[in-house]
Amino acid sequence: MKIVKILMVLVLVTIAALFIIPLIVLAGLFLWLKLTEEGDEESLELDQENV
């Protein structure tokens, strides 16, 4: 009976990891995109002024 409980916990942890890890990665990519987007807009404005 103890083995069944351990297996259930392992299955729940695995399922949780399958959802949590991609969400963390997507959140990191979203933040990176937002942080780099401001720099891209500034460089585009500078390029338009130089033309």
N, C-alpha and C. Protein backbone atom coordinates (compact mmCIF):
# COMPACT_ATOMS: atom_id res chain seq x y z
N MET A 1 0.82 -1.20 0.00
CA MET A 1 0.00 0.00 0.00
C MET A 1 0.87 1.26 0.00
N LYS A 2 2.01 1.19 0.66
CA LYS A 2 2.91 2.34 0.70
C LYS A 2 3.50 2.63 -0.68
N ILE A 3 3.74 1.59 -1.45
CA ILE A 3 4.29 1.76 -2.80
C ILE A 3 3.28 2.48 -3.69
N VAL A 4 2.00 2.16 -3.53
CA VAL A 4 0.96 2.80 -4.34
C VAL A 4 0.91 4.30 -4.04
N LYS A 5 1.04 4.68 -2.77
CA LYS A 5 1.04 6.09 -2.40
C LYS A 5 2.25 6.81 -2.99
N ILE A 6 3.41 6.17 -2.94
CA ILE A 6 4.62 6.76 -3.49
C ILE A 6 4.48 6.95 -5.00
N LEU A 7 3.92 5.94 -5.68
CA LEU A 7 3.72 6.05 -7.12
C LEU A 7 2.74 7.16 -7.47
N MET A 8 1.68 7.31 -6.70
CA MET A 8 0.70 8.36 -6.95
C MET A 8 1.34 9.74 -6.77
N VAL A 9 2.17 9.89 -5.74
CA VAL A 9 2.85 11.16 -5.52
C VAL A 9 3.79 11.45 -6.68
N LEU A 10 4.52 10.45 -7.14
CA LEU A 10 5.44 10.64 -8.26
C LEU A 10 4.69 11.03 -9.53
N VAL A 11 3.54 10.41 -9.76
CA VAL A 11 2.74 10.74 -10.94
C VAL A 11 2.23 12.18 -10.84
N LEU A 12 1.76 12.60 -9.67
CA LEU A 12 1.27 13.96 -9.50
C LEU A 12 2.39 14.99 -9.67
N VAL A 13 3.56 14.68 -9.13
CA VAL A 13 4.70 15.59 -9.28
C VAL A 13 5.11 15.70 -10.74
N THR A 14 5.08 14.59 -11.46
CA THR A 14 5.44 14.60 -12.88
C THR A 14 4.44 15.43 -13.69
N ILE A 15 3.17 15.23 -13.42
CA ILE A 15 2.14 16.00 -14.14
C ILE A 15 2.27 17.48 -13.82
N ALA A 16 2.50 17.81 -12.56
CA ALA A 16 2.68 19.21 -12.17
C ALA A 16 3.89 19.82 -12.88
N ALA A 17 4.97 19.06 -12.96
CA ALA A 17 6.18 19.56 -13.62
C ALA A 17 5.94 19.79 -15.10
N LEU A 18 5.13 18.94 -15.72
CA LEU A 18 4.85 19.09 -17.15
C LEU A 18 4.08 20.38 -17.43
N PHE A 19 3.33 20.87 -16.47
CA PHE A 19 2.60 22.12 -16.65
C PHE A 19 3.38 23.32 -16.15
N ILE A 20 4.08 23.17 -15.04
CA ILE A 20 4.74 24.32 -14.41
C ILE A 20 5.99 24.74 -15.19
N ILE A 21 6.80 23.79 -15.61
CA ILE A 21 8.05 24.14 -16.30
C ILE A 21 7.80 24.90 -17.60
N PRO A 22 6.88 24.45 -18.48
CA PRO A 22 6.62 25.26 -19.69
C PRO A 22 6.05 26.64 -19.38
N LEU A 23 5.22 26.75 -18.33
CA LEU A 23 4.69 28.06 -17.97
C LEU A 23 5.80 29.00 -17.51
N ILE A 24 6.76 28.48 -16.78
CA ILE A 24 7.90 29.31 -16.35
C ILE A 24 8.73 29.75 -17.56
N VAL A 25 8.93 28.83 -18.49
CA VAL A 25 9.69 29.17 -19.70
C VAL A 25 8.96 30.23 -20.51
N LEU A 26 7.65 30.07 -20.69
CA LEU A 26 6.88 31.05 -21.45
C LEU A 26 6.87 32.41 -20.76
N ALA A 27 6.77 32.42 -19.45
CA ALA A 27 6.81 33.69 -18.71
C ALA A 27 8.17 34.37 -18.90
N GLY A 28 9.23 33.59 -18.86
CA GLY A 28 10.57 34.15 -19.09
C GLY A 28 10.72 34.72 -20.49
N LEU A 29 10.21 34.01 -21.49
CA LEU A 29 10.28 34.50 -22.86
C LEU A 29 9.46 35.78 -23.03
N PHE A 30 8.29 35.82 -22.39
CA PHE A 30 7.44 37.00 -22.47
C PHE A 30 8.14 38.21 -21.86
N LEU A 31 8.76 38.03 -20.69
CA LEU A 31 9.48 39.13 -20.06
C LEU A 31 10.67 39.57 -20.91
N TRP A 32 11.38 38.62 -21.48
CA TRP A 32 12.52 38.95 -22.33
C TRP A 32 12.05 39.75 -23.55
N LEU A 33 10.92 39.34 -24.13
CA LEU A 33 10.38 40.04 -25.29
C LEU A 33 9.99 41.47 -24.91
N LYS A 34 9.33 41.63 -23.77
CA LYS A 34 8.92 42.97 -23.35
C LYS A 34 10.13 43.85 -23.06
N LEU A 35 11.16 43.29 -22.45
CA LEU A 35 12.34 44.08 -22.13
C LEU A 35 13.13 44.48 -23.37
N THR A 36 13.19 43.60 -24.35
CA THR A 36 13.95 43.91 -25.57
C THR A 36 13.13 44.73 -26.56
N GLU A 37 11.81 44.71 -26.42
CA GLU A 37 10.95 45.44 -27.34
C GLU A 37 11.20 46.95 -27.25
N GLU A 38 11.41 47.46 -26.04
CA GLU A 38 11.66 48.88 -25.85
C GLU A 38 12.95 49.31 -26.57
N GLY A 39 13.97 48.49 -26.49
CA GLY A 39 15.22 48.80 -27.17
C GLY A 39 15.06 48.79 -28.67
N ASP A 40 14.24 47.89 -29.19
CA ASP A 40 14.00 47.82 -30.63
C ASP A 40 13.30 49.08 -31.12
N GLU A 41 12.32 49.57 -30.35
CA GLU A 41 11.60 50.77 -30.75
C GLU A 41 12.52 51.98 -30.77
N GLU A 42 13.42 52.06 -29.79
CA GLU A 42 14.35 53.18 -29.75
C GLU A 42 15.30 53.14 -30.94
N SER A 43 15.78 51.96 -31.30
CA SER A 43 16.70 51.86 -32.43
C SER A 43 15.97 52.17 -33.74
N LEU A 44 14.69 51.81 -33.84
CA LEU A 44 13.93 52.14 -35.04
C LEU A 44 13.74 53.65 -35.16
N GLU A 45 13.49 54.31 -34.04
CA GLU A 45 13.33 55.76 -34.07
C GLU A 45 14.63 56.42 -34.48
N LEU A 46 15.75 55.92 -34.01
CA LEU A 46 17.04 56.48 -34.39
C LEU A 46 17.31 56.26 -35.87
N ASP A 47 16.95 55.10 -36.40
CA ASP A 47 17.14 54.82 -37.82
C ASP A 47 16.30 55.75 -38.67
N GLN A 48 15.09 56.04 -38.27
CA GLN A 48 14.22 56.92 -39.05
C GLN A 48 14.75 58.35 -39.04
N GLU A 49 15.35 58.78 -37.94
CA GLU A 49 15.90 60.13 -37.87
C GLU A 49 17.13 60.27 -38.78
N ASN A 50 17.88 59.19 -38.91
CA ASN A 50 19.10 59.25 -39.73
C ASN A 50 18.81 59.22 -41.22
N VAL A 51 17.63 58.80 -41.61
CA VAL A 51 17.31 58.66 -43.04
C VAL A 51 16.97 59.97 -43.65
